[in-house]
């Protein structure tokens, strides 16, 4: 299973997102220290009801907690966009 698939599987299992996307930007960082060690650079967008009433900082912490093991082994950099369904709907309108 690829790192991208692992990330998606873990976030989906724990945060039950109504929307999830992931972009692998590892190729942009060729030669970078983290990339040389085989770790990737990813951007995730997670929309989950579990973020309702949770500060942005704590939403990011929730995602990092889900991916704690991968952050130590497979991920060098992770950009997180964590939204509630109402925030996401408002943005799309």
N, C-alpha and C. Protein backbone atom coordinates (compact mmCIF):
# COMPACT_ATOMS: atom_id res chain seq x y z
N UNK A 1 0.84 -1.17 0.00
CA UNK A 1 0.00 0.00 0.00
C UNK A 1 0.90 1.25 0.00
N UNK A 2 0.53 2.23 -0.81
CA UNK A 2 1.32 3.46 -0.90
C UNK A 2 1.07 4.34 0.33
N UNK A 3 1.97 5.27 0.55
CA UNK A 3 1.81 6.22 1.67
C UNK A 3 0.50 6.99 1.51
N UNK A 4 0.20 7.39 0.31
CA UNK A 4 -1.03 8.12 0.02
C UNK A 4 -2.26 7.28 0.43
N UNK A 5 -2.25 6.02 0.10
CA UNK A 5 -3.36 5.12 0.46
C UNK A 5 -3.46 4.92 1.97
N UNK A 6 -2.32 4.82 2.62
CA UNK A 6 -2.30 4.66 4.08
C UNK A 6 -2.91 5.89 4.74
N UNK A 7 -2.49 7.07 4.29
CA UNK A 7 -3.02 8.31 4.85
C UNK A 7 -4.54 8.35 4.68
N UNK A 8 -5.00 8.08 3.48
CA UNK A 8 -6.44 8.11 3.20
C UNK A 8 -7.19 7.10 4.07
N UNK A 9 -6.68 5.92 4.17
CA UNK A 9 -7.33 4.87 4.95
C UNK A 9 -7.44 5.25 6.43
N UNK A 10 -6.36 5.77 7.00
CA UNK A 10 -6.36 6.11 8.42
C UNK A 10 -7.27 7.30 8.72
N UNK A 11 -7.19 8.33 7.90
CA UNK A 11 -8.03 9.51 8.13
C UNK A 11 -9.50 9.15 7.96
N UNK A 12 -9.81 8.36 6.95
CA UNK A 12 -11.19 7.94 6.72
C UNK A 12 -11.72 7.12 7.89
N UNK A 13 -10.91 6.22 8.40
CA UNK A 13 -11.34 5.36 9.51
C UNK A 13 -11.61 6.13 10.79
N UNK A 14 -10.79 7.13 11.08
CA UNK A 14 -10.90 7.84 12.36
C UNK A 14 -11.78 9.08 12.28
N UNK A 15 -11.67 9.84 11.21
CA UNK A 15 -12.37 11.13 11.14
C UNK A 15 -13.65 11.10 10.31
N UNK A 16 -13.92 10.00 9.65
CA UNK A 16 -15.14 9.84 8.85
C UNK A 16 -15.47 11.08 8.02
N UNK A 17 -14.56 11.50 7.17
CA UNK A 17 -14.80 12.75 6.43
C UNK A 17 -15.93 12.61 5.41
N UNK A 18 -16.65 13.73 5.21
CA UNK A 18 -17.64 13.75 4.13
C UNK A 18 -16.95 14.17 2.83
N UNK A 19 -15.74 14.71 2.96
CA UNK A 19 -14.90 15.02 1.81
C UNK A 19 -13.45 14.84 2.24
N UNK A 20 -12.66 14.25 1.35
CA UNK A 20 -11.23 14.07 1.62
C UNK A 20 -10.49 14.13 0.29
N UNK A 21 -9.40 14.86 0.27
CA UNK A 21 -8.52 14.83 -0.89
C UNK A 21 -7.08 14.84 -0.39
N UNK A 22 -6.23 14.27 -1.21
CA UNK A 22 -4.81 14.24 -0.86
C UNK A 22 -4.00 14.47 -2.13
N UNK A 23 -2.97 15.30 -2.00
CA UNK A 23 -2.06 15.57 -3.11
C UNK A 23 -0.66 15.20 -2.64
N UNK A 24 0.01 14.41 -3.45
CA UNK A 24 1.38 14.02 -3.17
C UNK A 24 2.31 14.98 -3.91
N UNK A 25 3.01 15.81 -3.16
CA UNK A 25 3.94 16.78 -3.75
C UNK A 25 5.39 16.38 -3.56
N UNK A 26 5.62 15.14 -3.31
CA UNK A 26 6.97 14.66 -3.05
C UNK A 26 7.90 14.98 -4.22
N UNK A 27 7.40 14.87 -5.42
CA UNK A 27 8.22 15.12 -6.61
C UNK A 27 8.78 16.54 -6.64
N UNK A 28 8.09 17.49 -6.01
CA UNK A 28 8.56 18.88 -6.00
C UNK A 28 9.77 19.07 -5.08
N UNK A 29 10.04 18.08 -4.27
CA UNK A 29 11.08 18.23 -3.25
C UNK A 29 12.25 17.27 -3.47
N UNK A 30 12.44 16.86 -4.70
CA UNK A 30 13.55 15.96 -5.03
C UNK A 30 14.86 16.61 -4.57
N UNK A 31 15.67 15.84 -3.87
CA UNK A 31 16.94 16.34 -3.36
C UNK A 31 16.85 16.94 -1.98
N UNK A 32 15.65 17.22 -1.52
CA UNK A 32 15.41 17.75 -0.17
C UNK A 32 15.74 16.65 0.84
N UNK A 33 16.21 17.02 2.00
CA UNK A 33 16.64 16.04 3.01
C UNK A 33 15.57 14.99 3.30
N UNK A 34 14.33 15.42 3.49
CA UNK A 34 13.26 14.47 3.79
C UNK A 34 12.98 13.55 2.63
N UNK A 35 13.02 14.07 1.41
CA UNK A 35 12.76 13.27 0.22
C UNK A 35 13.87 12.25 0.01
N UNK A 36 15.10 12.64 0.28
CA UNK A 36 16.23 11.73 0.12
C UNK A 36 16.06 10.51 1.03
N UNK A 37 15.50 10.73 2.22
CA UNK A 37 15.29 9.63 3.16
C UNK A 37 14.04 8.81 2.83
N UNK A 38 13.37 9.16 1.72
CA UNK A 38 12.21 8.40 1.29
C UNK A 38 10.89 8.87 1.86
N UNK A 39 10.91 9.97 2.60
CA UNK A 39 9.68 10.49 3.17
C UNK A 39 9.01 11.43 2.18
N UNK A 40 7.67 11.51 2.26
CA UNK A 40 6.93 12.30 1.30
C UNK A 40 6.41 13.62 1.83
N UNK A 41 5.96 14.44 0.89
CA UNK A 41 5.34 15.74 1.17
C UNK A 41 3.91 15.66 0.66
N UNK A 42 2.95 15.91 1.54
CA UNK A 42 1.54 15.75 1.18
C UNK A 42 0.71 16.94 1.62
N UNK A 43 -0.38 17.16 0.89
CA UNK A 43 -1.39 18.14 1.26
C UNK A 43 -2.70 17.38 1.41
N UNK A 44 -3.35 17.52 2.57
CA UNK A 44 -4.64 16.87 2.76
C UNK A 44 -5.71 17.92 3.03
N UNK A 45 -6.89 17.67 2.52
CA UNK A 45 -8.06 18.49 2.78
C UNK A 45 -9.09 17.55 3.37
N UNK A 46 -9.45 17.80 4.62
CA UNK A 46 -10.36 16.93 5.35
C UNK A 46 -11.56 17.76 5.80
N UNK A 47 -12.75 17.29 5.44
CA UNK A 47 -13.98 17.94 5.89
C UNK A 47 -14.72 16.90 6.73
N UNK A 48 -14.87 17.21 8.02
CA UNK A 48 -15.45 16.24 8.94
C UNK A 48 -16.33 16.91 9.99
N UNK A 49 -17.42 16.26 10.32
CA UNK A 49 -18.29 16.73 11.40
C UNK A 49 -17.55 16.69 12.73
N UNK A 50 -16.54 15.85 12.83
CA UNK A 50 -15.77 15.75 14.07
C UNK A 50 -14.99 17.03 14.38
N UNK A 51 -14.91 17.94 13.42
CA UNK A 51 -14.23 19.21 13.64
C UNK A 51 -15.16 20.30 14.19
N UNK A 52 -16.46 20.01 14.26
CA UNK A 52 -17.42 20.99 14.77
C UNK A 52 -17.04 21.40 16.19
N UNK A 53 -16.95 22.70 16.43
CA UNK A 53 -16.63 23.23 17.75
C UNK A 53 -15.18 23.07 18.17
N UNK A 54 -14.33 22.66 17.23
CA UNK A 54 -12.91 22.43 17.52
C UNK A 54 -12.09 23.53 16.84
N UNK A 55 -11.15 24.11 17.56
CA UNK A 55 -10.31 25.16 16.98
C UNK A 55 -9.46 24.60 15.84
N UNK A 56 -9.03 25.49 14.97
CA UNK A 56 -8.19 25.08 13.84
C UNK A 56 -6.93 24.37 14.32
N UNK A 57 -6.31 24.90 15.35
CA UNK A 57 -5.10 24.26 15.90
C UNK A 57 -5.39 22.84 16.36
N UNK A 58 -6.49 22.66 17.05
CA UNK A 58 -6.82 21.31 17.54
C UNK A 58 -7.28 20.38 16.42
N UNK A 59 -7.84 20.92 15.37
CA UNK A 59 -8.17 20.09 14.20
C UNK A 59 -6.88 19.53 13.61
N UNK A 60 -5.89 20.42 13.45
CA UNK A 60 -4.59 19.96 12.93
C UNK A 60 -3.98 18.92 13.85
N UNK A 61 -4.09 19.13 15.13
CA UNK A 61 -3.57 18.15 16.09
C UNK A 61 -4.27 16.81 15.94
N UNK A 62 -5.58 16.84 15.69
CA UNK A 62 -6.33 15.60 15.49
C UNK A 62 -5.79 14.82 14.29
N UNK A 63 -5.53 15.54 13.19
CA UNK A 63 -5.00 14.88 11.99
C UNK A 63 -3.60 14.34 12.26
N UNK A 64 -2.77 15.15 12.89
CA UNK A 64 -1.42 14.68 13.21
C UNK A 64 -1.45 13.46 14.13
N UNK A 65 -2.38 13.42 15.06
CA UNK A 65 -2.50 12.27 15.96
C UNK A 65 -2.86 11.00 15.17
N UNK A 66 -3.77 11.14 14.23
CA UNK A 66 -4.16 10.00 13.40
C UNK A 66 -2.95 9.47 12.62
N UNK A 67 -2.10 10.39 12.17
CA UNK A 67 -0.95 10.01 11.33
C UNK A 67 0.38 10.01 12.09
N UNK A 68 0.32 9.89 13.39
CA UNK A 68 1.52 9.96 14.23
C UNK A 68 2.62 8.98 13.77
N UNK A 69 2.26 7.76 13.54
CA UNK A 69 3.24 6.75 13.13
C UNK A 69 3.84 7.09 11.76
N UNK A 70 2.99 7.52 10.83
CA UNK A 70 3.46 7.86 9.49
C UNK A 70 4.33 9.12 9.50
N UNK A 71 4.04 10.05 10.40
CA UNK A 71 4.87 11.25 10.50
C UNK A 71 6.30 10.88 10.92
N UNK A 72 6.43 9.83 11.67
CA UNK A 72 7.75 9.40 12.13
C UNK A 72 8.48 8.55 11.09
N UNK A 73 7.72 7.98 10.15
CA UNK A 73 8.34 7.03 9.23
C UNK A 73 8.20 7.34 7.75
N UNK A 74 7.05 7.86 7.32
CA UNK A 74 6.76 8.00 5.90
C UNK A 74 6.55 9.43 5.41
N UNK A 75 6.19 10.33 6.32
CA UNK A 75 5.84 11.69 5.92
C UNK A 75 6.88 12.67 6.44
N UNK A 76 7.40 13.49 5.53
CA UNK A 76 8.33 14.53 5.94
C UNK A 76 7.59 15.85 6.18
N UNK A 77 6.63 16.15 5.31
CA UNK A 77 5.87 17.40 5.45
C UNK A 77 4.40 17.13 5.14
N UNK A 78 3.54 17.74 5.94
CA UNK A 78 2.10 17.55 5.78
C UNK A 78 1.41 18.90 5.93
N UNK A 79 0.74 19.32 4.88
CA UNK A 79 -0.08 20.53 4.93
C UNK A 79 -1.52 20.07 5.13
N UNK A 80 -2.18 20.66 6.12
CA UNK A 80 -3.53 20.23 6.47
C UNK A 80 -4.52 21.36 6.26
N UNK A 81 -5.60 21.04 5.62
CA UNK A 81 -6.74 21.94 5.51
C UNK A 81 -7.91 21.18 6.14
N UNK A 82 -8.31 21.58 7.33
CA UNK A 82 -9.34 20.88 8.09
C UNK A 82 -10.56 21.78 8.24
N UNK A 83 -11.69 21.33 7.72
CA UNK A 83 -12.90 22.14 7.76
C UNK A 83 -14.09 21.34 8.27
N UNK A 84 -15.07 22.08 8.78
CA UNK A 84 -16.35 21.47 9.11
C UNK A 84 -17.18 21.45 7.83
N UNK A 85 -18.21 20.61 7.77
CA UNK A 85 -19.06 20.60 6.58
C UNK A 85 -19.68 21.97 6.28
N UNK A 86 -20.09 22.70 7.31
CA UNK A 86 -20.71 24.02 7.07
C UNK A 86 -19.69 25.02 6.52
N UNK A 87 -18.45 24.96 6.98
CA UNK A 87 -17.40 25.84 6.44
C UNK A 87 -17.14 25.51 4.96
N UNK A 88 -17.11 24.24 4.66
CA UNK A 88 -16.85 23.78 3.30
C UNK A 88 -17.98 24.21 2.36
N UNK A 89 -19.22 24.01 2.80
CA UNK A 89 -20.38 24.40 1.99
C UNK A 89 -20.40 25.90 1.74
N UNK A 90 -20.10 26.67 2.77
CA UNK A 90 -20.06 28.13 2.65
C UNK A 90 -19.01 28.56 1.63
N UNK A 91 -17.87 27.90 1.66
CA UNK A 91 -16.78 28.22 0.75
C UNK A 91 -17.15 27.89 -0.70
N UNK A 92 -17.85 26.78 -0.89
CA UNK A 92 -18.23 26.36 -2.24
C UNK A 92 -19.28 27.27 -2.85
N UNK A 93 -20.08 27.91 -2.00
CA UNK A 93 -21.19 28.76 -2.50
C UNK A 93 -20.70 30.04 -3.12
